[in-house]
Amino acid sequence: MSSSEAEIWLPKLTRREFRERMRAGELLGCIIPVAATEQHLEHLAMEHDWRSVLYIAGEVARRLAPRVLVAPSMNVGISEHHMRHPGTLSAMPGSWLGLLHDTIRSMHHAGFKNILVLNGHGGNIAPCQGIWGQFQQRFGINLQFRSYWEFLPAELAKAHLKTGRFPGHAQEFETAFALAAFPENVRHEAMADQSDREPLQATAEAGRILIAGIVEGVTQHLSAMLDGKNAEPVPPFMP
């Protein structure tokens, strides 16, 4: 199977296909996308965060095929601060971290030694930062947590974001992303009518450039993980 034909989505594989690729030493890394389903002002679909991170994960995995698989996305996040807007889904930090732990455990059990948890929602960051050292101690592998917008080069943001702000929440950056990657999720009439005017600065052209920069950055980061050049040390246990 050529790299262009290699399946990148874990759920699409049969158990035999997965087993054979892992035994052959082909699969070296796994991306676990985590995000949220929550309100994104009046003009963006509530799936925006998880759809965005899944988009980035898929593009990166295609570039690194056949060495990388993408696990199913955790599309409910920690979004208590948005619960006043009906339709938002939110998990409590403990239950959310428990599911993330078990997803990592499953991928580790399957044989992955390089796992990138790629985040697409700001509310997930603090809980992960608080427990990440314990996760690393538990699994003893190259386990990293990053938000996808961390990989946006500063020069691209400066050149193509009129407001200069990112990621924001349903502002110029996220709106530009949606216009470029899934324009059907943008409600133009609602964007024009709402009081928040910053999203009107967004363009699909800028979104495409910003996404390309992020994909390149994540690809380089994960490629270095697979090659043993980018490993986070496991925190030592306290004596």
Protein backbone atom coordinates (compact mmCIF):
# COMPACT_ATOMS: atom_id res chain seq x y z
CA MET A 1 0.00 0.00 0.00
CA SER A 2 1.41 3.38 -0.97
CA SER A 3 1.44 6.29 1.47
CA SER A 4 -1.24 8.02 -0.59
CA GLU A 5 -3.52 4.99 -0.18
CA ALA A 6 -2.90 4.36 3.51
CA GLU A 7 -5.94 4.78 5.73
CA ILE A 8 -5.41 7.52 8.32
CA TRP A 9 -8.61 7.13 10.38
CA LEU A 10 -8.37 4.44 13.05
CA PRO A 11 -12.11 3.59 13.06
CA LYS A 12 -11.97 2.84 9.32
CA LEU A 13 -9.53 -0.05 9.82
CA THR A 14 -10.48 -3.62 10.52
CA ARG A 15 -8.69 -5.35 13.38
CA ARG A 16 -6.62 -7.36 10.89
CA GLU A 17 -5.58 -4.24 8.98
CA PHE A 18 -4.54 -2.52 12.17
CA ARG A 19 -2.73 -5.57 13.49
CA GLU A 20 -0.78 -6.09 10.28
CA ARG A 21 0.28 -2.46 10.00
CA MET A 22 1.38 -2.34 13.63
CA ARG A 23 3.28 -5.65 13.41
CA ALA A 24 5.02 -4.46 10.25
CA GLY A 25 6.36 -1.46 12.17
CA GLU A 26 4.53 0.94 9.88
CA LEU A 27 2.48 2.76 12.53
CA LEU A 28 4.65 5.01 14.66
CA GLY A 29 2.36 7.74 15.92
CA CYS A 30 -1.19 8.51 16.90
CA ILE A 31 -3.10 11.80 17.02
CA ILE A 32 -5.94 12.08 19.52
CA PRO A 33 -7.98 15.20 18.65
CA VAL A 34 -9.87 16.79 21.53
CA ALA A 35 -12.17 19.80 21.32
CA ALA A 36 -15.75 20.81 22.13
CA THR A 37 -19.30 21.28 20.89
CA GLU A 38 -20.41 24.69 22.08
CA GLN A 39 -21.88 28.03 21.06
CA HIS A 40 -19.82 30.08 18.62
CA LEU A 41 -21.75 33.35 18.60
CA GLU A 42 -24.65 33.66 16.18
CA HIS A 43 -22.74 32.89 13.00
CA LEU A 44 -20.66 29.71 13.45
CA ALA A 45 -21.90 26.16 13.89
CA MET A 46 -21.42 24.65 17.34
CA GLU A 47 -19.18 21.92 15.93
CA HIS A 48 -16.49 24.47 15.05
CA ASP A 49 -13.82 23.49 17.58
CA TRP A 50 -13.85 19.75 16.97
CA ARG A 51 -14.32 20.14 13.23
CA SER A 52 -11.27 22.42 13.11
CA VAL A 53 -8.96 20.17 15.10
CA LEU A 54 -10.10 17.12 13.16
CA TYR A 55 -9.37 18.98 9.91
CA ILE A 56 -5.82 19.75 11.04
CA ALA A 57 -5.27 16.20 12.32
CA GLY A 58 -6.41 14.71 9.02
CA GLU A 59 -4.18 16.95 6.92
CA VAL A 60 -1.17 16.17 9.11
CA ALA A 61 -1.81 12.42 9.04
CA ARG A 62 -2.06 12.47 5.25
CA ARG A 63 1.30 14.18 5.02
CA LEU A 64 2.88 11.62 7.33
CA ALA A 65 1.11 8.58 5.88
CA PRO A 66 1.42 5.69 6.40
CA ARG A 67 3.09 6.27 9.78
CA VAL A 68 0.25 8.05 11.63
CA LEU A 69 -3.33 7.25 12.58
CA VAL A 70 -6.00 9.60 13.90
CA ALA A 71 -8.10 8.27 16.78
CA PRO A 72 -11.76 9.25 17.14
CA SER A 73 -12.20 12.85 18.22
CA MET A 74 -13.42 13.75 21.68
CA ASN A 75 -15.98 16.26 20.50
CA VAL A 76 -17.37 17.20 23.91
CA GLY A 77 -15.10 19.43 25.98
CA ILE A 78 -14.99 21.38 29.21
CA SER A 79 -17.33 24.26 28.40
CA GLU A 80 -19.10 25.22 31.62
CA HIS A 81 -18.47 28.90 30.85
CA HIS A 82 -20.77 28.60 27.80
CA MET A 83 -23.62 26.67 29.39
CA ARG A 84 -25.86 29.73 29.56
CA HIS A 85 -26.26 29.24 25.80
CA PRO A 86 -28.54 26.20 25.31
CA GLY A 87 -27.13 23.60 22.96
CA THR A 88 -23.62 23.75 24.37
CA LEU A 89 -22.34 20.39 25.60
CA SER A 90 -20.00 20.27 28.57
CA ALA A 91 -18.22 17.57 30.56
CA MET A 92 -16.96 17.95 34.10
CA PRO A 93 -13.14 18.00 34.24
CA GLY A 94 -12.85 14.72 36.13
CA SER A 95 -15.00 12.68 33.78
CA TRP A 96 -13.45 14.34 30.72
CA LEU A 97 -9.89 13.63 31.87
CA GLY A 98 -10.92 10.08 32.71
CA LEU A 99 -12.08 9.44 29.16
CA LEU A 100 -8.95 11.06 27.75
CA HIS A 101 -6.80 8.89 30.03
CA ASP A 102 -8.59 5.76 28.83
CA THR A 103 -8.23 6.75 25.17
CA ILE A 104 -4.48 7.26 25.68
CA ARG A 105 -4.31 3.97 27.59
CA SER A 106 -5.99 2.16 24.71
CA MET A 107 -3.60 3.62 22.14
CA HIS A 108 -0.62 2.79 24.34
CA HIS A 109 -1.93 -0.76 24.73
CA ALA A 110 -2.22 -0.98 20.93
CA GLY A 111 1.50 -0.28 20.64
CA PHE A 112 1.91 3.46 20.11
CA LYS A 113 4.93 5.08 21.76
CA ASN A 114 4.34 8.54 20.24
CA ILE A 115 0.97 10.10 21.00
CA LEU A 116 0.03 13.70 20.28
CA VAL A 117 -3.14 14.93 21.94
CA LEU A 118 -4.10 17.78 19.63
CA ASN A 119 -6.46 20.26 21.24
CA GLY A 120 -8.97 22.60 19.64
CA HIS A 121 -10.71 24.18 22.65
CA GLY A 122 -9.33 26.61 25.20
CA GLY A 123 -11.37 25.22 28.11
CA ASN A 124 -9.49 21.92 27.91
CA ILE A 125 -6.05 23.43 28.45
CA ALA A 126 -5.85 24.10 32.18
CA PRO A 127 -7.18 20.68 33.28
CA CYS A 128 -4.70 18.94 30.98
CA GLN A 129 -1.79 21.06 32.14
CA GLY A 130 -2.61 20.21 35.74
CA ILE A 131 -2.51 16.45 35.26
CA TRP A 132 -0.20 15.96 32.29
CA GLY A 133 2.87 15.04 34.32
CA GLN A 134 0.89 12.25 35.98
CA PHE A 135 -0.24 10.97 32.59
CA GLN A 136 3.37 10.94 31.40
CA GLN A 137 4.48 9.05 34.50
CA ARG A 138 1.64 6.57 34.07
CA PHE A 139 2.47 5.68 30.48
CA GLY A 140 6.21 6.39 30.20
CA ILE A 141 6.03 7.24 26.49
CA ASN A 142 6.42 10.34 24.34
CA LEU A 143 3.02 11.78 25.20
CA GLN A 144 2.42 15.42 24.31
CA PHE A 145 -0.48 17.86 24.57
CA ARG A 146 -0.64 20.83 22.20
CA SER A 147 -3.33 23.20 20.96
CA TYR A 148 -3.29 23.45 17.19
CA TRP A 149 -3.09 27.25 17.11
CA GLU A 150 0.26 27.09 18.93
CA PHE A 151 1.71 26.15 15.56
CA LEU A 152 0.54 29.27 13.73
CA PRO A 153 3.71 31.19 12.78
CA ALA A 154 3.72 34.69 14.24
CA GLU A 155 4.62 36.22 10.89
CA LEU A 156 1.57 34.66 9.23
CA ALA A 157 -0.73 35.88 11.99
CA LYS A 158 0.70 39.38 11.71
CA ALA A 159 0.40 39.45 7.94
CA HIS A 160 -3.05 37.89 7.52
CA LEU A 161 -5.08 38.70 10.63
CA LYS A 162 -6.32 42.26 10.58
CA THR A 163 -7.00 42.16 14.32
CA GLY A 164 -3.80 40.25 15.07
CA ARG A 165 -5.65 38.11 17.63
CA PHE A 166 -5.91 34.35 17.77
CA PRO A 167 -7.42 31.97 18.55
CA GLY A 168 -10.23 34.09 20.02
CA HIS A 169 -13.74 32.71 20.23
CA ALA A 170 -15.68 32.87 16.96
CA GLN A 171 -13.69 35.97 16.08
CA GLU A 172 -11.61 36.72 12.97
CA PHE A 173 -9.30 33.70 13.22
CA GLU A 174 -11.93 31.04 13.77
CA THR A 175 -14.26 32.60 11.23
CA ALA A 176 -11.48 32.68 8.62
CA PHE A 177 -10.76 29.02 9.38
CA ALA A 178 -14.39 28.10 8.82
CA LEU A 179 -14.67 30.15 5.63
CA ALA A 180 -11.68 28.27 4.21
CA ALA A 181 -12.29 24.74 5.48
CA PHE A 182 -16.07 24.34 5.87
CA PRO A 183 -17.87 27.45 4.60
CA GLU A 184 -21.27 25.81 4.98
CA ASN A 185 -20.86 26.36 8.75
CA VAL A 186 -20.79 30.16 8.44
CA ARG A 187 -24.11 32.05 8.63
CA HIS A 188 -23.28 35.27 6.78
CA GLU A 189 -26.55 37.04 7.54
CA ALA A 190 -26.18 36.39 11.26
CA MET A 191 -22.59 37.57 11.16
CA ALA A 192 -23.67 40.85 9.61
CA ASP A 193 -26.52 41.36 12.10
CA GLN A 194 -24.77 40.60 15.40
CA SER A 195 -23.21 43.35 17.51
CA ASP A 196 -19.73 41.77 17.48
CA ARG A 197 -18.14 43.09 14.29
CA GLU A 198 -14.72 41.44 14.47
CA PRO A 199 -15.76 38.30 12.56
CA LEU A 200 -16.51 40.50 9.54
CA GLN A 201 -12.75 40.98 9.16
CA ALA A 202 -12.31 37.32 8.26
CA THR A 203 -11.68 36.05 4.72
CA ALA A 204 -11.41 32.58 3.24
CA GLU A 205 -8.11 33.51 1.59
CA ALA A 206 -6.56 34.38 4.94
CA GLY A 207 -8.01 31.20 6.42
CA ARG A 208 -6.35 29.03 3.79
CA ILE A 209 -2.97 30.64 4.43
CA LEU A 210 -3.29 30.33 8.19
CA ILE A 211 -4.41 26.70 8.01
CA ALA A 212 -1.50 25.82 5.72
CA GLY A 213 0.93 27.34 8.21
CA ILE A 214 -0.58 25.42 11.10
CA VAL A 215 -0.61 22.12 9.20
CA GLU A 216 3.06 22.59 8.30
CA GLY A 217 3.94 23.33 11.92
CA VAL A 218 2.08 20.35 13.37
CA THR A 219 3.51 18.09 10.67
CA GLN A 220 7.07 19.10 11.51
CA HIS A 221 6.42 18.70 15.22
CA LEU A 222 4.91 15.22 14.91
CA SER A 223 7.47 14.10 12.35
CA ALA A 224 10.21 14.98 14.83
CA MET A 225 8.37 12.97 17.49
CA LEU A 226 8.32 9.93 15.20
CA ASP A 227 12.00 10.34 14.41
CA GLY A 228 13.00 10.54 18.07
CA LYS A 229 14.07 14.18 17.79
CA ASN A 230 11.20 15.68 19.77
CA ALA A 231 10.53 13.89 23.03
CA GLU A 232 9.18 15.34 26.26
CA PRO A 233 10.94 13.89 29.30
CA VAL A 234 8.79 12.04 31.79
CA PRO A 235 8.71 13.99 35.06
CA PRO A 236 10.57 12.20 37.84
CA PHE A 237 8.64 10.69 40.72
CA MET A 238 9.02 12.54 43.99
CA PRO A 239 11.32 10.74 46.47
